[in-house]
N, C-alpha and C. Protein backbone atom coordinates (compact mmCIF):
# COMPACT_ATOMS: atom_id res chain seq x y z
N MET A 1 25.62 47.15 -70.72
CA MET A 1 25.04 46.20 -71.74
C MET A 1 25.51 44.94 -70.48
N SER A 2 23.59 44.84 -70.93
CA SER A 2 23.41 43.92 -69.82
C SER A 2 23.23 42.35 -70.30
N ILE A 3 23.24 41.69 -69.12
CA ILE A 3 23.37 40.01 -69.80
C ILE A 3 22.32 39.69 -68.07
N GLN A 4 21.24 38.47 -69.05
CA GLN A 4 20.64 38.11 -67.73
C GLN A 4 20.53 36.27 -67.24
N VAL A 5 20.80 35.61 -66.43
CA VAL A 5 20.69 34.82 -66.14
C VAL A 5 19.64 34.56 -65.31
N ASN A 6 18.99 33.52 -64.56
CA ASN A 6 18.19 32.72 -63.80
C ASN A 6 18.82 32.16 -62.66
N VAL A 7 18.59 32.57 -61.70
CA VAL A 7 19.48 31.31 -60.43
C VAL A 7 19.80 30.60 -60.23
N LEU A 8 19.95 29.35 -60.94
CA LEU A 8 20.41 28.23 -61.09
C LEU A 8 22.25 28.89 -61.19
N GLU A 9 21.57 29.52 -62.96
CA GLU A 9 23.19 29.95 -63.42
C GLU A 9 23.49 30.79 -62.51
N ALA A 10 23.28 31.40 -61.29
CA ALA A 10 23.64 32.78 -60.84
C ALA A 10 24.14 31.44 -59.79
N LYS A 11 23.79 30.79 -59.28
CA LYS A 11 24.50 30.14 -58.36
C LYS A 11 26.03 29.38 -58.75
N THR A 12 25.89 29.19 -59.96
CA THR A 12 27.09 28.08 -60.50
C THR A 12 27.93 28.80 -60.94
N GLN A 13 27.17 30.28 -61.79
CA GLN A 13 28.80 30.64 -61.76
C GLN A 13 29.05 32.70 -61.45
N LEU A 14 28.77 32.23 -59.73
CA LEU A 14 28.43 33.68 -59.51
C LEU A 14 30.19 34.54 -59.85
N SER A 15 31.47 33.53 -59.83
CA SER A 15 32.58 33.95 -59.91
C SER A 15 32.94 34.40 -61.34
N ARG A 16 32.15 33.79 -62.48
CA ARG A 16 32.63 34.06 -63.50
C ARG A 16 31.43 35.96 -63.02
N LEU A 17 29.81 35.49 -62.89
CA LEU A 17 29.42 36.58 -62.67
C LEU A 17 29.76 37.86 -62.32
N LEU A 18 30.52 37.82 -60.83
CA LEU A 18 31.10 38.70 -60.68
C LEU A 18 31.94 39.35 -61.59
N ASP A 19 33.06 38.85 -61.85
CA ASP A 19 34.66 39.28 -63.46
C ASP A 19 33.08 39.87 -63.89
N ARG A 20 32.27 39.84 -64.06
CA ARG A 20 31.88 40.76 -65.49
C ARG A 20 31.20 41.44 -64.45
N ALA A 21 30.52 41.88 -63.51
CA ALA A 21 30.46 42.85 -62.99
C ALA A 21 31.40 43.71 -63.00
N GLU A 22 32.64 43.43 -62.74
CA GLU A 22 33.82 44.10 -61.71
C GLU A 22 34.39 44.78 -63.52
N ALA A 23 34.00 44.62 -64.44
CA ALA A 23 34.44 44.93 -65.76
C ALA A 23 33.47 45.85 -66.57
N GLY A 24 32.69 46.09 -65.69
CA GLY A 24 31.53 47.03 -65.89
C GLY A 24 29.90 46.27 -65.84
N GLU A 25 29.95 45.26 -66.70
CA GLU A 25 28.66 44.23 -67.66
C GLU A 25 27.49 45.04 -66.25
N GLU A 26 26.55 44.81 -66.20
CA GLU A 26 25.26 44.80 -65.54
C GLU A 26 24.45 43.21 -65.66
N VAL A 27 25.01 42.96 -64.92
CA VAL A 27 24.36 41.76 -64.95
C VAL A 27 23.16 41.40 -64.13
N ILE A 28 21.44 41.11 -64.49
CA ILE A 28 20.21 40.62 -63.77
C ILE A 28 20.14 39.06 -63.91
N ILE A 29 19.71 39.32 -62.14
CA ILE A 29 19.50 38.18 -61.90
C ILE A 29 17.70 37.30 -62.20
N ALA A 30 17.24 37.08 -62.72
CA ALA A 30 15.54 36.56 -62.59
C ALA A 30 15.19 35.17 -62.24
N ARG A 31 14.10 34.85 -61.82
CA ARG A 31 12.72 33.80 -61.10
C ARG A 31 12.00 33.91 -62.05
N ALA A 32 12.21 32.66 -62.99
CA ALA A 32 10.97 32.44 -63.45
C ALA A 32 10.98 33.17 -64.79
N GLY A 33 12.14 33.84 -65.52
CA GLY A 33 11.41 35.04 -66.09
C GLY A 33 12.02 36.15 -65.40
N HIS A 34 11.70 36.53 -64.19
CA HIS A 34 11.48 37.28 -63.94
C HIS A 34 12.17 38.69 -63.21
N PRO A 35 13.06 39.35 -64.10
CA PRO A 35 13.99 39.87 -63.07
C PRO A 35 13.42 40.35 -61.33
N VAL A 36 14.47 39.77 -61.23
CA VAL A 36 14.34 40.89 -59.43
C VAL A 36 16.47 41.18 -58.79
N ALA A 37 17.38 41.16 -58.76
CA ALA A 37 18.41 41.55 -58.83
C ALA A 37 18.73 42.30 -59.46
N ARG A 38 20.03 42.56 -59.57
CA ARG A 38 20.76 43.38 -60.35
C ARG A 38 21.74 43.44 -59.49
N LEU A 39 23.29 42.70 -60.36
CA LEU A 39 23.99 42.84 -59.83
C LEU A 39 25.77 43.71 -60.97
N VAL A 40 25.69 44.29 -60.20
CA VAL A 40 26.36 46.40 -60.55
C VAL A 40 27.23 45.84 -59.79
N PRO A 41 28.31 46.74 -60.43
CA PRO A 41 30.01 46.58 -59.44
C PRO A 41 29.96 48.02 -59.11
N ILE A 42 30.45 47.86 -57.86
CA ILE A 42 30.91 49.25 -57.59
C ILE A 42 31.70 50.65 -56.72
N THR A 43 31.31 51.65 -57.31
CA THR A 43 32.43 53.02 -57.86
C THR A 43 32.38 53.95 -56.97
N GLY A 44 33.10 54.88 -57.33
CA GLY A 44 32.98 55.63 -56.76
C GLY A 44 33.41 55.96 -55.41
N GLY A 45 34.32 54.91 -55.07
CA GLY A 45 35.10 54.60 -53.96
C GLY A 45 34.18 54.29 -52.88
N THR A 46 33.50 53.97 -52.84
CA THR A 46 32.16 53.96 -51.59
C THR A 46 33.22 53.33 -50.13
N MET A 47 33.96 52.21 -51.03
CA MET A 47 34.31 51.27 -49.56
C MET A 47 35.43 51.55 -49.76
N ALA A 48 36.43 52.28 -50.58
CA ALA A 48 37.50 52.32 -50.13
C ALA A 48 37.82 53.43 -48.79
N THR A 49 36.93 54.37 -48.69
CA THR A 49 37.12 55.33 -48.01
C THR A 49 36.53 54.58 -46.32
N PRO A 50 37.64 54.64 -45.45
CA PRO A 50 37.56 54.50 -44.06
C PRO A 50 36.61 54.97 -43.49
N ARG A 51 35.79 54.81 -42.64
CA ARG A 51 34.74 55.71 -41.46
C ARG A 51 35.36 56.54 -40.66
N ILE A 52 35.70 57.53 -39.88
CA ILE A 52 36.22 58.45 -39.19
C ILE A 52 35.27 58.13 -38.24
N LEU A 53 35.51 57.81 -36.89
CA LEU A 53 34.66 58.02 -35.43
C LEU A 53 34.92 59.32 -35.19
N GLY A 54 33.38 59.91 -34.62
CA GLY A 54 33.27 60.59 -34.16
C GLY A 54 32.55 62.36 -35.33
N ALA A 55 33.10 61.35 -36.59
CA ALA A 55 33.13 62.67 -37.88
C ALA A 55 31.83 63.76 -37.98
N LEU A 56 30.97 63.20 -37.19
CA LEU A 56 29.78 64.27 -36.81
C LEU A 56 29.80 64.23 -35.47
N LYS A 57 31.05 64.44 -34.39
CA LYS A 57 30.78 65.33 -33.58
C LYS A 57 29.99 66.50 -33.51
N GLY A 58 29.42 67.13 -32.60
CA GLY A 58 28.74 68.57 -33.17
C GLY A 58 28.81 69.05 -34.15
N LYS A 59 27.31 68.23 -35.20
CA LYS A 59 26.08 68.13 -35.92
C LYS A 59 24.98 67.89 -35.77
N GLY A 60 25.11 67.80 -34.65
CA GLY A 60 23.62 66.99 -34.01
C GLY A 60 23.20 68.33 -32.96
N TRP A 61 21.64 68.08 -32.78
CA TRP A 61 20.84 68.24 -31.40
C TRP A 61 19.81 68.00 -31.24
N MET A 62 19.92 67.68 -29.48
CA MET A 62 18.71 66.24 -29.32
C MET A 62 18.22 67.12 -27.80
N ALA A 63 17.58 67.66 -27.67
CA ALA A 63 16.80 67.75 -26.69
C ALA A 63 17.46 67.57 -25.49
N ASP A 64 16.82 68.16 -24.13
CA ASP A 64 18.09 67.19 -23.12
C ASP A 64 16.50 66.36 -22.02
N ASP A 65 15.64 67.28 -23.19
CA ASP A 65 14.28 65.42 -22.83
C ASP A 65 13.62 65.05 -23.33
N PHE A 66 14.36 64.48 -24.34
CA PHE A 66 13.83 64.10 -25.15
C PHE A 66 13.33 62.02 -25.13
N ASP A 67 14.05 62.09 -24.07
CA ASP A 67 13.89 60.26 -23.64
C ASP A 67 11.87 60.31 -22.75
N ALA A 68 11.44 61.87 -22.03
CA ALA A 68 10.72 61.87 -21.64
C ALA A 68 9.58 61.46 -21.97
N PRO A 69 8.50 60.54 -20.63
CA PRO A 69 7.11 60.39 -21.01
C PRO A 69 6.48 61.12 -21.72
N LEU A 70 5.60 60.95 -22.39
CA LEU A 70 4.69 61.51 -23.94
C LEU A 70 3.68 61.30 -22.95
N ASP A 71 2.60 62.76 -23.30
CA ASP A 71 1.35 62.92 -22.67
C ASP A 71 0.21 61.62 -23.36
N ALA A 72 -0.48 61.31 -22.36
CA ALA A 72 -1.77 59.68 -22.56
C ALA A 72 -2.07 60.15 -23.82
N ASP A 73 -2.68 61.93 -24.50
CA ASP A 73 -3.19 62.11 -25.21
C ASP A 73 -2.95 62.85 -25.99
N PHE A 74 -1.37 61.85 -26.29
CA PHE A 74 0.06 62.34 -27.81
C PHE A 74 -0.50 61.21 -27.86
N LEU A 75 -0.73 59.64 -27.26
CA LEU A 75 -0.15 58.00 -27.53
C LEU A 75 -1.75 58.44 -28.30
N MET A 76 -2.37 58.40 -28.28
CA MET A 76 -3.96 58.59 -28.97
C MET A 76 -3.92 58.87 -30.71
N ALA A 77 -4.35 57.85 -31.73
CA ALA A 77 -4.40 58.58 -33.27
C ALA A 77 -5.36 58.56 -33.66
N PRO A 78 -5.70 59.64 -34.19
CA PRO A 78 -7.24 60.01 -34.41
C PRO A 78 -7.56 59.00 -35.53
N ASP A 79 -9.23 58.67 -35.36
CA ASP A 79 -9.76 57.99 -36.02
C ASP A 79 -9.79 58.84 -37.83
N ALA A 80 -10.97 57.91 -38.35
CA ALA A 80 -11.49 58.41 -39.49
C ALA A 80 -11.58 59.99 -39.83
N SER A 81 -12.79 60.00 -38.70
CA SER A 81 -13.33 61.30 -38.49
C SER A 81 -12.42 62.40 -37.52
N GLY A 82 -11.38 62.12 -37.87
CA GLY A 82 -9.79 63.50 -37.26
C GLY A 82 -9.93 63.28 -35.37
N ARG A 83 -11.34 62.72 -35.22
CA ARG A 83 -11.42 62.31 -33.82
C ARG A 83 -10.63 61.89 -32.79
N ARG A 84 -10.35 62.25 -32.00
CA ARG A 84 -9.45 60.94 -30.88
C ARG A 84 -9.91 60.48 -29.96
């Protein structure tokens, strides 16, 4: 189930709309009758799970020369005909 409200109503009734979204209702916010945003509840525990520093340590690789200067030819983009 969803409802659509205009921006002015969303500004004045934000707490009420948050309660409705938290209860599982989808709230569409519209400007001049055209939908521009959707207010939905956060699910799946994404906010409840804390981030752990270093959790991805050792999962990636970076070349020793990743910050070495590039050749001048590499930086030239080809034109429409495919020539540099």
